[in-house]
Amino acid sequence: MLFRVANLRENVLWFPIAWETISHYLHGVDCLIAQGWIIQAIVCDGRQGVKKALSPYYPIQMCHFHQVKIVTKYLTQKPELVAGQDLRALILTLARTDEQTFTKQLKEWHQEYGDFIKQRTVNPETKHWHYTHGRVRSAYQSIKNNLPYLFTYQNYPHIHIPNTTNSLDGSISHLRNKLRAHRGLKLTQRIKITGELLKGENHRNLY
């Protein structure tokens, strides 16, 4: 897990984990505060529980790139259904619009397709049902759930809040390339090498 200060373009904290949990995020925030950092806002890539856990204390910005990626996962880049086409067209305006306009257009989309995404298909044998257009529904629900965090960067003009995590993602892309050259190493060795590579970037490590 890696934490980066966007305006300094510096990775300031990292530690190895098996998988992401809310407690890891909270632990990282606590460590940064203990080191003397003042956290003005947090940009993250989408875990709903993380946003809910941290939003009472800090402004939270959902990464636009990851939101678009989530919608694309459900709809693909070329949706077949008109509802999916219109929803994808809307999400692609995310970085070029404002909260009021986007919210209005999302409501208009739901007014037109709300009944459509409620349609259900029932298995005649088991009587179990599923949403007929579940992927479109899931894409919409993702946007709806993340909407309170999509325009935070516009609501705090006095703070430098990026609308994506691209700075962090870009900072470690070359590290991934270097690690590919050591695929045969054990996990513990790969973790150690990762730490050394980060140290080589003149960053600070937790351990």
N, C-alpha and C. Protein backbone atom coordinates (compact mmCIF):
# COMPACT_ATOMS: atom_id res chain seq x y z
N MET A 1 0.85 -1.19 0.00
CA MET A 1 0.00 0.00 0.00
C MET A 1 0.88 1.24 0.00
N LEU A 2 0.50 2.19 -0.86
CA LEU A 2 1.36 3.35 -1.09
C LEU A 2 0.57 4.64 -0.93
N PHE A 3 1.17 5.61 -0.24
CA PHE A 3 0.57 6.93 -0.04
C PHE A 3 1.47 7.98 -0.68
N ARG A 4 0.86 8.94 -1.37
CA ARG A 4 1.63 9.95 -2.10
C ARG A 4 1.06 11.33 -1.83
N VAL A 5 1.96 12.30 -1.71
CA VAL A 5 1.56 13.71 -1.60
C VAL A 5 1.58 14.30 -3.01
N ALA A 6 0.40 14.61 -3.53
CA ALA A 6 0.28 14.97 -4.94
C ALA A 6 1.04 16.25 -5.29
N ASN A 7 0.87 17.31 -4.48
CA ASN A 7 1.49 18.58 -4.86
C ASN A 7 3.01 18.55 -4.72
N LEU A 8 3.55 17.64 -3.88
CA LEU A 8 5.00 17.48 -3.78
C LEU A 8 5.53 16.43 -4.74
N ARG A 9 4.61 15.64 -5.32
CA ARG A 9 4.97 14.54 -6.21
C ARG A 9 5.95 13.59 -5.52
N GLU A 10 5.59 13.24 -4.30
CA GLU A 10 6.47 12.40 -3.49
C GLU A 10 5.67 11.30 -2.80
N ASN A 11 6.13 10.07 -2.96
CA ASN A 11 5.57 8.95 -2.21
C ASN A 11 6.16 8.98 -0.81
N VAL A 12 5.31 9.08 0.20
CA VAL A 12 5.81 9.33 1.55
C VAL A 12 5.62 8.17 2.51
N LEU A 13 4.87 7.16 2.09
CA LEU A 13 4.61 6.05 3.00
C LEU A 13 4.21 4.82 2.21
N TRP A 14 4.76 3.67 2.59
CA TRP A 14 4.34 2.41 1.98
C TRP A 14 4.61 1.26 2.93
N PHE A 15 3.82 0.21 2.78
CA PHE A 15 4.04 -1.00 3.56
C PHE A 15 3.37 -2.17 2.84
N PRO A 16 3.92 -3.38 2.97
CA PRO A 16 3.39 -4.55 2.27
C PRO A 16 2.09 -5.05 2.90
N ILE A 17 1.14 -5.44 2.06
CA ILE A 17 -0.11 -6.03 2.53
C ILE A 17 -0.46 -7.20 1.63
N ALA A 18 -1.27 -8.12 2.15
CA ALA A 18 -1.73 -9.25 1.34
C ALA A 18 -2.87 -8.82 0.42
N TRP A 19 -3.78 -7.97 0.96
CA TRP A 19 -4.88 -7.40 0.19
C TRP A 19 -5.36 -6.16 0.92
N GLU A 20 -6.06 -5.30 0.20
CA GLU A 20 -6.50 -4.03 0.77
C GLU A 20 -7.66 -4.23 1.73
N THR A 21 -7.59 -3.56 2.87
CA THR A 21 -8.70 -3.50 3.80
C THR A 21 -8.85 -2.06 4.28
N ILE A 22 -10.00 -1.76 4.85
CA ILE A 22 -10.23 -0.42 5.38
C ILE A 22 -9.22 -0.11 6.48
N SER A 23 -8.90 -1.11 7.29
CA SER A 23 -7.97 -0.89 8.40
C SER A 23 -6.59 -0.49 7.90
N HIS A 24 -6.19 -0.98 6.72
CA HIS A 24 -4.89 -0.59 6.16
C HIS A 24 -4.88 0.91 5.82
N TYR A 25 -5.97 1.40 5.24
CA TYR A 25 -6.06 2.82 4.93
C TYR A 25 -6.00 3.65 6.21
N LEU A 26 -6.77 3.24 7.21
CA LEU A 26 -6.79 3.97 8.47
C LEU A 26 -5.43 3.95 9.14
N HIS A 27 -4.76 2.79 9.07
CA HIS A 27 -3.41 2.68 9.64
C HIS A 27 -2.45 3.63 8.94
N GLY A 28 -2.55 3.69 7.62
CA GLY A 28 -1.67 4.60 6.87
C GLY A 28 -1.90 6.05 7.23
N VAL A 29 -3.16 6.43 7.35
CA VAL A 29 -3.48 7.81 7.73
C VAL A 29 -2.94 8.13 9.12
N ASP A 30 -3.10 7.19 10.04
CA ASP A 30 -2.58 7.39 11.41
C ASP A 30 -1.06 7.56 11.39
N CYS A 31 -0.37 6.76 10.57
CA CYS A 31 1.09 6.85 10.48
C CYS A 31 1.53 8.20 9.92
N LEU A 32 0.81 8.69 8.91
CA LEU A 32 1.16 9.98 8.32
C LEU A 32 0.97 11.11 9.34
N ILE A 33 -0.11 11.04 10.09
CA ILE A 33 -0.34 12.06 11.13
C ILE A 33 0.76 11.99 12.18
N ALA A 34 1.16 10.77 12.56
CA ALA A 34 2.22 10.60 13.55
C ALA A 34 3.54 11.16 13.05
N GLN A 35 3.74 11.14 11.73
CA GLN A 35 4.97 11.68 11.14
C GLN A 35 4.93 13.20 11.01
N GLY A 36 3.76 13.79 11.30
CA GLY A 36 3.66 15.24 11.26
C GLY A 36 2.96 15.81 10.04
N TRP A 37 2.44 14.94 9.17
CA TRP A 37 1.74 15.42 7.99
C TRP A 37 0.37 15.96 8.38
N ILE A 38 -0.04 17.03 7.71
CA ILE A 38 -1.39 17.57 7.86
C ILE A 38 -2.18 17.16 6.61
N ILE A 39 -3.18 16.35 6.80
CA ILE A 39 -3.95 15.83 5.66
C ILE A 39 -5.10 16.78 5.36
N GLN A 40 -5.10 17.35 4.17
CA GLN A 40 -6.14 18.28 3.78
C GLN A 40 -7.27 17.60 3.01
N ALA A 41 -6.94 16.54 2.28
CA ALA A 41 -7.94 15.80 1.51
C ALA A 41 -7.32 14.47 1.09
N ILE A 42 -8.17 13.54 0.68
CA ILE A 42 -7.71 12.22 0.26
C ILE A 42 -8.33 11.88 -1.09
N VAL A 43 -7.50 11.46 -2.01
CA VAL A 43 -7.96 10.98 -3.31
C VAL A 43 -7.78 9.47 -3.33
N CYS A 44 -8.84 8.72 -3.62
CA CYS A 44 -8.74 7.26 -3.60
C CYS A 44 -9.45 6.68 -4.82
N ASP A 45 -9.32 5.37 -4.96
CA ASP A 45 -9.78 4.74 -6.20
C ASP A 45 -11.09 3.98 -6.08
N GLY A 46 -11.82 4.15 -4.98
CA GLY A 46 -13.19 3.68 -5.04
C GLY A 46 -13.76 2.82 -3.96
N ARG A 47 -12.98 2.24 -3.07
CA ARG A 47 -13.57 1.37 -2.06
C ARG A 47 -14.59 2.15 -1.23
N GLN A 48 -15.85 1.71 -1.31
CA GLN A 48 -16.93 2.44 -0.67
C GLN A 48 -16.72 2.55 0.84
N GLY A 49 -16.28 1.46 1.47
CA GLY A 49 -16.07 1.48 2.91
C GLY A 49 -14.98 2.44 3.34
N VAL A 50 -13.94 2.59 2.51
CA VAL A 50 -12.86 3.52 2.82
C VAL A 50 -13.38 4.95 2.80
N LYS A 51 -14.14 5.28 1.77
CA LYS A 51 -14.67 6.64 1.66
C LYS A 51 -15.57 6.97 2.85
N LYS A 52 -16.42 6.02 3.24
CA LYS A 52 -17.32 6.25 4.36
C LYS A 52 -16.55 6.38 5.67
N ALA A 53 -15.48 5.61 5.82
CA ALA A 53 -14.71 5.64 7.06
C ALA A 53 -13.92 6.93 7.22
N LEU A 54 -13.47 7.51 6.11
CA LEU A 54 -12.60 8.69 6.17
C LEU A 54 -13.34 10.00 5.94
N SER A 55 -14.50 9.96 5.29
CA SER A 55 -15.19 11.21 4.93
C SER A 55 -15.63 12.06 6.12
N PRO A 56 -15.87 11.47 7.32
CA PRO A 56 -16.20 12.36 8.45
C PRO A 56 -15.04 13.26 8.86
N TYR A 57 -13.83 12.93 8.43
CA TYR A 57 -12.64 13.65 8.89
C TYR A 57 -11.96 14.45 7.78
N TYR A 58 -12.08 13.99 6.53
CA TYR A 58 -11.37 14.64 5.42
C TYR A 58 -12.26 14.71 4.18
N PRO A 59 -12.07 15.73 3.34
CA PRO A 59 -12.72 15.72 2.03
C PRO A 59 -12.18 14.53 1.22
N ILE A 60 -13.08 13.78 0.59
CA ILE A 60 -12.69 12.60 -0.17
C ILE A 60 -13.02 12.82 -1.64
N GLN A 61 -12.03 12.60 -2.50
CA GLN A 61 -12.23 12.69 -3.94
C GLN A 61 -12.09 11.30 -4.55
N MET A 62 -13.13 10.88 -5.28
CA MET A 62 -13.08 9.62 -6.02
C MET A 62 -12.35 9.86 -7.33
N CYS A 63 -11.39 8.99 -7.63
CA CYS A 63 -10.61 9.12 -8.86
C CYS A 63 -11.51 9.01 -10.09
N HIS A 64 -11.49 10.01 -10.95
CA HIS A 64 -12.31 10.00 -12.16
C HIS A 64 -11.92 8.85 -13.08
N PHE A 65 -10.63 8.61 -13.20
CA PHE A 65 -10.17 7.54 -14.10
C PHE A 65 -10.75 6.20 -13.66
N HIS A 66 -10.72 5.94 -12.36
CA HIS A 66 -11.24 4.67 -11.86
C HIS A 66 -12.76 4.59 -11.98
N GLN A 67 -13.45 5.72 -11.84
CA GLN A 67 -14.90 5.70 -12.01
C GLN A 67 -15.27 5.35 -13.45
N VAL A 68 -14.57 5.95 -14.38
CA VAL A 68 -14.80 5.62 -15.79
C VAL A 68 -14.47 4.16 -16.06
N LYS A 69 -13.40 3.68 -15.44
CA LYS A 69 -12.99 2.29 -15.62
C LYS A 69 -14.04 1.33 -15.07
N ILE A 70 -14.63 1.67 -13.93
CA ILE A 70 -15.68 0.82 -13.35
C ILE A 70 -16.87 0.74 -14.29
N VAL A 71 -17.30 1.88 -14.81
CA VAL A 71 -18.44 1.89 -15.72
C VAL A 71 -18.13 1.10 -16.99
N THR A 72 -16.91 1.27 -17.50
CA THR A 72 -16.51 0.54 -18.71
C THR A 72 -16.48 -0.96 -18.47
N LYS A 73 -16.11 -1.36 -17.26
CA LYS A 73 -16.09 -2.79 -16.92
C LYS A 73 -17.48 -3.39 -17.09
N TYR A 74 -18.49 -2.66 -16.69
CA TYR A 74 -19.86 -3.16 -16.80
C TYR A 74 -20.43 -3.02 -18.20
N LEU A 75 -20.12 -1.92 -18.87
CA LEU A 75 -20.77 -1.62 -20.15
C LEU A 75 -19.94 -1.97 -21.38
N THR A 76 -18.64 -2.16 -21.20
CA THR A 76 -17.65 -2.28 -22.28
C THR A 76 -17.49 -0.91 -22.95
N GLN A 77 -16.54 -0.82 -23.85
CA GLN A 77 -16.31 0.45 -24.53
C GLN A 77 -17.36 0.72 -25.61
N LYS A 78 -18.04 -0.33 -26.03
CA LYS A 78 -19.08 -0.17 -27.05
C LYS A 78 -20.35 -0.88 -26.61
N PRO A 79 -21.11 -0.27 -25.72
CA PRO A 79 -22.34 -0.90 -25.23
C PRO A 79 -23.33 -1.16 -26.37
N GLU A 80 -24.03 -2.27 -26.27
CA GLU A 80 -25.03 -2.61 -27.29
C GLU A 80 -26.36 -1.92 -27.02
N LEU A 81 -26.73 -1.80 -25.76
CA LEU A 81 -28.01 -1.19 -25.40
C LEU A 81 -27.92 0.33 -25.42
N VAL A 82 -28.98 0.97 -25.85
CA VAL A 82 -29.01 2.44 -25.92
C VAL A 82 -28.82 3.03 -24.53
N ALA A 83 -29.41 2.41 -23.51
CA ALA A 83 -29.26 2.90 -22.14
C ALA A 83 -27.79 2.90 -21.74
N GLY A 84 -27.08 1.85 -22.10
CA GLY A 84 -25.65 1.77 -21.81
C GLY A 84 -24.84 2.77 -22.60
N GLN A 85 -25.22 2.99 -23.84
CA GLN A 85 -24.53 3.97 -24.68
C GLN A 85 -24.66 5.37 -24.09
N ASP A 86 -25.88 5.70 -23.67
CA ASP A 86 -26.11 7.03 -23.12
C ASP A 86 -25.40 7.21 -21.78
N LEU A 87 -25.36 6.16 -20.97
CA LEU A 87 -24.70 6.26 -19.67
C LEU A 87 -23.19 6.37 -19.84
N ARG A 88 -22.64 5.63 -20.78
CA ARG A 88 -21.20 5.74 -21.02
C ARG A 88 -20.85 7.12 -21.58
N ALA A 89 -21.68 7.64 -22.45
CA ALA A 89 -21.44 8.99 -22.99
C ALA A 89 -21.44 10.01 -21.86
N LEU A 90 -22.32 9.82 -20.89
CA LEU A 90 -22.39 10.74 -19.75
C LEU A 90 -21.14 10.65 -18.90
N ILE A 91 -20.70 9.44 -18.57
CA ILE A 91 -19.54 9.31 -17.68
C ILE A 91 -18.27 9.84 -18.34
N LEU A 92 -18.21 9.83 -19.65
CA LEU A 92 -17.03 10.35 -20.34
C LEU A 92 -16.94 11.87 -20.28
N THR A 93 -18.01 12.53 -19.82
CA THR A 93 -17.96 13.99 -19.64
C THR A 93 -17.48 14.38 -18.25
N LEU A 94 -17.20 13.39 -17.41
CA LEU A 94 -16.96 13.63 -15.99
C LEU A 94 -15.90 14.68 -15.71
N ALA A 95 -14.80 14.63 -16.42
CA ALA A 95 -13.69 15.55 -16.15
C ALA A 95 -13.93 16.94 -16.74
N ARG A 96 -14.99 17.08 -17.53
CA ARG A 96 -15.22 18.36 -18.22
C ARG A 96 -16.49 19.07 -17.74
N THR A 97 -17.09 18.57 -16.68
CA THR A 97 -18.37 19.12 -16.25
C THR A 97 -18.30 19.53 -14.78
N ASP A 98 -19.42 19.97 -14.25
CA ASP A 98 -19.50 20.33 -12.84
C ASP A 98 -20.57 19.49 -12.16
N GLU A 99 -20.62 19.55 -10.85
CA GLU A 99 -21.51 18.69 -10.09
C GLU A 99 -22.99 18.92 -10.42
N GLN A 100 -23.39 20.16 -10.52
CA GLN A 100 -24.80 20.48 -10.78
C GLN A 100 -25.24 19.93 -12.13
N THR A 101 -24.42 20.17 -13.15
CA THR A 101 -24.76 19.72 -14.50
C THR A 101 -24.79 18.20 -14.59
N PHE A 102 -23.75 17.56 -14.01
CA PHE A 102 -23.66 16.11 -14.09
C PHE A 102 -24.80 15.45 -13.33
N THR A 103 -25.11 15.96 -12.14
CA THR A 103 -26.20 15.39 -11.35
C THR A 103 -27.53 15.52 -12.08
N LYS A 104 -27.76 16.65 -12.71
CA LYS A 104 -28.99 16.88 -13.47
C LYS A 104 -29.09 15.87 -14.61
N GLN A 105 -27.99 15.67 -15.33
CA GLN A 105 -28.01 14.76 -16.47
C GLN A 105 -28.16 13.30 -16.03
N LEU A 106 -27.58 12.96 -14.87
CA LEU A 106 -27.74 11.60 -14.35
C LEU A 106 -29.19 11.35 -13.96
N LYS A 107 -29.84 12.34 -13.35
CA LYS A 107 -31.25 12.21 -12.99
C LYS A 107 -32.11 12.06 -14.25
N GLU A 108 -31.78 12.82 -15.28
CA GLU A 108 -32.52 12.71 -16.54
C GLU A 108 -32.36 11.33 -17.16
N TRP A 109 -31.13 10.78 -17.06
CA TRP A 109 -30.91 9.42 -17.57
C TRP A 109 -31.78 8.44 -16.80
N HIS A 110 -31.84 8.58 -15.48
CA HIS A 110 -32.61 7.64 -14.67
C HIS A 110 -34.11 7.80 -14.91
N GLN A 111 -34.55 9.02 -15.17
CA GLN A 111 -35.96 9.22 -15.48
C GLN A 111 -36.34 8.48 -16.76
N GLU A 112 -35.41 8.42 -17.69
CA GLU A 112 -35.68 7.76 -18.97
C GLU A 112 -35.53 6.24 -18.88
N TYR A 113 -34.53 5.79 -18.10
CA TYR A 113 -34.21 4.36 -18.10
C TYR A 113 -34.43 3.68 -16.74
N GLY A 114 -35.00 4.39 -15.78
CA GLY A 114 -35.19 3.81 -14.45
C GLY A 114 -36.00 2.53 -14.48
N ASP A 115 -37.13 2.55 -15.20
CA ASP A 115 -37.96 1.34 -15.30
C ASP A 115 -37.24 0.24 -16.06
N PHE A 116 -36.46 0.64 -17.03
CA PHE A 116 -35.71 -0.33 -17.85
C PHE A 116 -34.75 -1.15 -17.00
N ILE A 117 -34.02 -0.48 -16.10
CA ILE A 117 -33.03 -1.22 -15.30
C ILE A 117 -33.67 -1.94 -14.11
N LYS A 118 -34.98 -1.73 -13.92
CA LYS A 118 -35.69 -2.48 -12.88
C LYS A 118 -36.26 -3.79 -13.41
N GLN A 119 -36.24 -3.97 -14.72
CA GLN A 119 -36.82 -5.17 -15.30
C GLN A 119 -36.13 -6.43 -14.77
N ARG A 120 -36.94 -7.47 -14.52
CA ARG A 120 -36.41 -8.70 -13.97
C ARG A 120 -36.70 -9.88 -14.88
N THR A 121 -35.79 -10.86 -14.85
CA THR A 121 -35.98 -12.10 -15.57
C THR A 121 -36.10 -13.23 -14.56
N VAL A 122 -37.17 -14.01 -14.66
CA VAL A 122 -37.43 -15.08 -13.70
C VAL A 122 -37.15 -16.44 -14.34
N ASN A 123 -36.40 -17.27 -13.63
CA ASN A 123 -36.17 -18.63 -14.07
C ASN A 123 -37.44 -19.44 -13.81
N PRO A 124 -38.08 -19.96 -14.85
CA PRO A 124 -39.36 -20.67 -14.65
C PRO A 124 -39.23 -21.93 -13.81
N GLU A 125 -38.04 -22.51 -13.74
CA GLU A 125 -37.87 -23.74 -12.98
C GLU A 125 -37.57 -23.46 -11.51
N THR A 126 -36.63 -22.56 -11.26
CA THR A 126 -36.22 -22.29 -9.87
C THR A 126 -36.98 -21.14 -9.25
N LYS A 127 -37.66 -20.35 -10.10
CA LYS A 127 -38.39 -19.15 -9.65
C LYS A 127 -37.44 -18.05 -9.15
N HIS A 128 -36.13 -18.28 -9.27
CA HIS A 128 -35.17 -17.23 -8.92
C HIS A 128 -35.17 -16.16 -10.01
N TRP A 129 -34.84 -14.95 -9.63
CA TRP A 129 -34.85 -13.88 -10.61
C TRP A 129 -33.54 -13.10 -10.58
N HIS A 130 -33.29 -12.40 -11.64
CA HIS A 130 -32.15 -11.47 -11.69
C HIS A 130 -32.57 -10.28 -12.54
N TYR A 131 -31.85 -9.17 -12.37
CA TYR A 131 -32.15 -7.99 -13.18
C TYR A 131 -31.77 -8.28 -14.62
N THR A 132 -32.71 -8.03 -15.52
CA THR A 132 -32.51 -8.34 -16.94
C THR A 132 -31.31 -7.58 -17.50
N HIS A 133 -31.18 -6.35 -17.10
CA HIS A 133 -30.09 -5.50 -17.59
C HIS A 133 -29.16 -5.15 -16.42
N GLY A 134 -28.69 -6.18 -15.76
CA GLY A 134 -27.92 -6.03 -14.53
C GLY A 134 -26.64 -5.23 -14.68
N ARG A 135 -25.99 -5.36 -15.81
CA ARG A 135 -24.72 -4.65 -15.98
C ARG A 135 -24.94 -3.15 -16.13
N VAL A 136 -25.99 -2.77 -16.82
CA VAL A 136 -26.32 -1.34 -16.93
C VAL A 136 -26.72 -0.81 -15.56
N ARG A 137 -27.51 -1.61 -14.84
CA ARG A 137 -27.94 -1.21 -13.50
C ARG A 137 -26.74 -1.04 -12.58
N SER A 138 -25.79 -1.97 -12.64
CA SER A 138 -24.59 -1.89 -11.78
C SER A 138 -23.75 -0.67 -12.11
N ALA A 139 -23.64 -0.35 -13.40
CA ALA A 139 -22.88 0.84 -13.81
C ALA A 139 -23.53 2.10 -13.24
N TYR A 140 -24.84 2.17 -13.33
CA TYR A 140 -25.56 3.32 -12.79
C TYR A 140 -25.41 3.41 -11.28
N GLN A 141 -25.55 2.28 -10.58
CA GLN A 141 -25.44 2.28 -9.13
C GLN A 141 -24.05 2.73 -8.68
N SER A 142 -23.04 2.35 -9.44
CA SER A 142 -21.67 2.77 -9.11
C SER A 142 -21.55 4.29 -9.15
N ILE A 143 -22.08 4.89 -10.21
CA ILE A 143 -22.02 6.35 -10.34
C ILE A 143 -22.83 7.01 -9.23
N LYS A 144 -24.03 6.48 -8.99
CA LYS A 144 -24.91 7.04 -7.97
C LYS A 144 -24.25 7.00 -6.59
N ASN A 145 -23.65 5.86 -6.25
CA ASN A 145 -23.02 5.71 -4.93
C ASN A 145 -21.80 6.60 -4.76
N ASN A 146 -21.06 6.82 -5.85
CA ASN A 146 -19.83 7.62 -5.77
C ASN A 146 -20.06 9.10 -6.03
N LEU A 147 -21.28 9.46 -6.42
CA LEU A 147 -21.56 10.86 -6.79
C LEU A 147 -21.15 11.86 -5.71
N PRO A 148 -21.37 11.57 -4.40
CA PRO A 148 -20.97 12.56 -3.38
C PRO A 148 -19.46 12.83 -3.34
N TYR A 149 -18.67 11.97 -4.01
CA TYR A 149 -17.21 12.11 -3.94
C TYR A 149 -16.58 12.46 -5.29
N LEU A 150 -17.38 12.67 -6.31
CA LEU A 150 -16.82 12.89 -7.65
C LEU A 150 -16.40 14.32 -7.91
N PHE A 151 -16.95 15.28 -7.16
CA PHE A 151 -16.65 16.68 -7.45
C PHE A 151 -16.09 17.42 -6.22
N THR A 152 -15.53 16.67 -5.31
CA THR A 152 -14.92 17.28 -4.13
C THR A 152 -13.85 18.28 -4.53
N TYR A 153 -13.09 17.96 -5.56
CA TYR A 153 -11.97 18.82 -5.98
C TYR A 153 -12.47 20.20 -6.43
N GLN A 154 -13.71 20.28 -6.87
CA GLN A 154 -14.28 21.57 -7.27
C GLN A 154 -14.86 22.34 -6.07
N ASN A 155 -15.20 21.61 -5.03
CA ASN A 155 -15.84 22.23 -3.87
C ASN A 155 -14.85 22.81 -2.87
N TYR A 156 -13.56 22.53 -3.06
CA TYR A 156 -12.52 23.05 -2.17
C TYR A 156 -11.45 23.75 -3.02
N PRO A 157 -11.77 24.87 -3.63
CA PRO A 157 -10.82 25.54 -4.54
C PRO A 157 -9.55 26.03 -3.86
N HIS A 158 -9.59 26.18 -2.53
CA HIS A 158 -8.41 26.66 -1.81
C HIS A 158 -7.42 25.54 -1.51
N ILE A 159 -7.81 24.30 -1.82
CA ILE A 159 -6.92 23.15 -1.60
C ILE A 159 -6.59 22.51 -2.94
N HIS A 160 -5.34 22.10 -3.11
CA HIS A 160 -4.96 21.40 -4.34
C HIS A 160 -5.40 19.94 -4.21
N ILE A 161 -6.53 19.59 -4.84
CA ILE A 161 -7.04 18.23 -4.82
C ILE A 161 -7.11 17.72 -6.26
N PRO A 162 -6.26 16.77 -6.64
CA PRO A 162 -6.36 16.20 -7.98
C PRO A 162 -7.68 15.43 -8.13
N ASN A 163 -8.17 15.30 -9.35
CA ASN A 163 -9.39 14.53 -9.56
C ASN A 163 -9.10 13.09 -9.99
N THR A 164 -7.82 12.70 -9.99
CA THR A 164 -7.44 11.32 -10.28
C THR A 164 -6.26 10.92 -9.39
N THR A 165 -5.98 9.62 -9.36
CA THR A 165 -4.78 9.11 -8.69
C THR A 165 -3.67 8.88 -9.69
N ASN A 166 -3.74 9.53 -10.86
CA ASN A 166 -2.76 9.30 -11.92
C ASN A 166 -1.34 9.59 -11.48
N SER A 167 -1.16 10.58 -10.61
CA SER A 167 0.18 10.92 -10.15
C SER A 167 0.81 9.72 -9.44
N LEU A 168 0.03 9.08 -8.57
CA LEU A 168 0.54 7.92 -7.85
C LEU A 168 0.74 6.73 -8.79
N ASP A 169 -0.25 6.47 -9.63
CA ASP A 169 -0.16 5.33 -10.55
C ASP A 169 1.05 5.48 -11.48
N GLY A 170 1.26 6.70 -11.97
CA GLY A 170 2.39 6.93 -12.86
C GLY A 170 3.72 6.80 -12.16
N SER A 171 3.75 7.13 -10.87
CA SER A 171 5.02 7.10 -10.14
C SER A 171 5.54 5.69 -9.93
N ILE A 172 4.65 4.69 -10.01
CA ILE A 172 5.10 3.32 -9.75
C ILE A 172 5.07 2.44 -11.00
N SER A 173 4.67 3.00 -12.14
CA SER A 173 4.59 2.18 -13.35
C SER A 173 5.96 1.63 -13.74
N HIS A 174 7.01 2.45 -13.59
CA HIS A 174 8.34 1.97 -13.95
C HIS A 174 8.85 0.94 -12.95
N LEU A 175 8.34 1.01 -11.70
CA LEU A 175 8.74 0.00 -10.72
C LEU A 175 8.19 -1.36 -11.10
N ARG A 176 6.98 -1.38 -11.63
CA ARG A 176 6.40 -2.64 -12.09
C ARG A 176 7.24 -3.25 -13.21
N ASN A 177 7.71 -2.38 -14.10
CA ASN A 177 8.54 -2.88 -15.20
C ASN A 177 9.83 -3.51 -14.68
N LYS A 178 10.42 -2.88 -13.67
CA LYS A 178 11.66 -3.43 -13.10
C LYS A 178 11.40 -4.75 -12.38
N LEU A 179 10.26 -4.86 -11.73
CA LEU A 179 9.94 -6.08 -11.00
C LEU A 179 9.70 -7.25 -11.95
N ARG A 180 9.23 -6.96 -13.17
CA ARG A 180 8.99 -8.04 -14.13
C ARG A 180 10.29 -8.75 -14.48
N ALA A 181 11.39 -8.05 -14.32
CA ALA A 181 12.69 -8.67 -14.62
C ALA A 181 13.12 -9.63 -13.52
N HIS A 182 12.36 -9.67 -12.42
CA HIS A 182 12.70 -10.53 -11.28
C HIS A 182 11.53 -11.46 -10.93
N ARG A 183 10.88 -11.98 -11.96
CA ARG A 183 9.69 -12.79 -11.73
C ARG A 183 10.00 -14.08 -10.97
N GLY A 184 11.21 -14.57 -11.09
CA GLY A 184 11.54 -15.84 -10.45
C GLY A 184 11.81 -15.74 -8.97
N LEU A 185 11.84 -14.55 -8.42
CA LEU A 185 12.16 -14.38 -7.01
C LEU A 185 10.98 -14.76 -6.12
N LYS A 186 11.29 -15.12 -4.89
CA LYS A 186 10.25 -15.40 -3.90
C LYS A 186 9.54 -14.09 -3.53
N LEU A 187 8.35 -14.24 -2.99
CA LEU A 187 7.56 -13.06 -2.64
C LEU A 187 8.29 -12.16 -1.66
N THR A 188 8.92 -12.75 -0.65
CA THR A 188 9.64 -11.94 0.34
C THR A 188 10.76 -11.15 -0.31
N GLN A 189 11.40 -11.76 -1.31
CA GLN A 189 12.48 -11.05 -2.02
C GLN A 189 11.92 -9.93 -2.88
N ARG A 190 10.78 -10.20 -3.52
CA ARG A 190 10.16 -9.16 -4.36
C ARG A 190 9.72 -7.97 -3.50
N ILE A 191 9.20 -8.26 -2.30
CA ILE A 191 8.80 -7.17 -1.40
C ILE A 191 10.01 -6.34 -1.00
N LYS A 192 11.12 -7.02 -0.71
CA LYS A 192 12.34 -6.31 -0.32
C LYS A 192 12.86 -5.45 -1.46
N ILE A 193 12.84 -5.99 -2.68
CA ILE A 193 13.31 -5.23 -3.84
C ILE A 193 12.42 -4.01 -4.07
N THR A 194 11.11 -4.20 -3.90
CA THR A 194 10.18 -3.07 -4.07
C THR A 194 10.53 -1.94 -3.11
N GLY A 195 10.79 -2.31 -1.85
CA GLY A 195 11.18 -1.30 -0.87
C GLY A 195 12.46 -0.59 -1.24
N GLU A 196 13.42 -1.35 -1.74
CA GLU A 196 14.70 -0.75 -2.13
C GLU A 196 14.53 0.19 -3.32
N LEU A 197 13.68 -0.21 -4.28
CA LEU A 197 13.43 0.66 -5.43
C LEU A 197 12.77 1.96 -5.01
N LEU A 198 11.83 1.87 -4.07
CA LEU A 198 11.18 3.07 -3.57
C LEU A 198 12.17 3.96 -2.81
N LYS A 199 13.05 3.32 -2.03
CA LYS A 199 14.08 4.09 -1.34
C LYS A 199 14.98 4.80 -2.34
N GLY A 200 15.24 4.13 -3.45
CA GLY A 200 16.09 4.70 -4.48
C GLY A 200 15.49 5.92 -5.13
N GLU A 201 14.17 6.07 -4.97
CA GLU A 201 13.48 7.24 -5.50
C GLU A 201 13.54 8.41 -4.50
N ASN A 202 14.33 8.24 -3.44
CA ASN A 202 14.46 9.26 -2.38
C ASN A 202 13.14 9.49 -1.65
N HIS A 203 12.37 8.42 -1.51
CA HIS A 203 11.13 8.49 -0.77
C HIS A 203 11.38 7.97 0.64
N ARG A 204 10.41 8.15 1.53
CA ARG A 204 10.52 7.72 2.90
C ARG A 204 9.70 6.45 3.11
N ASN A 205 10.22 5.54 3.87
CA ASN A 205 9.56 4.26 4.10
C ASN A 205 9.08 4.16 5.55
N LEU A 206 8.02 3.42 5.76
CA LEU A 206 7.50 3.23 7.11
C LEU A 206 8.40 2.32 7.92
N TYR A 207 8.95 1.30 7.27
CA TYR A 207 9.74 0.31 8.02
C TYR A 207 11.22 0.46 7.72
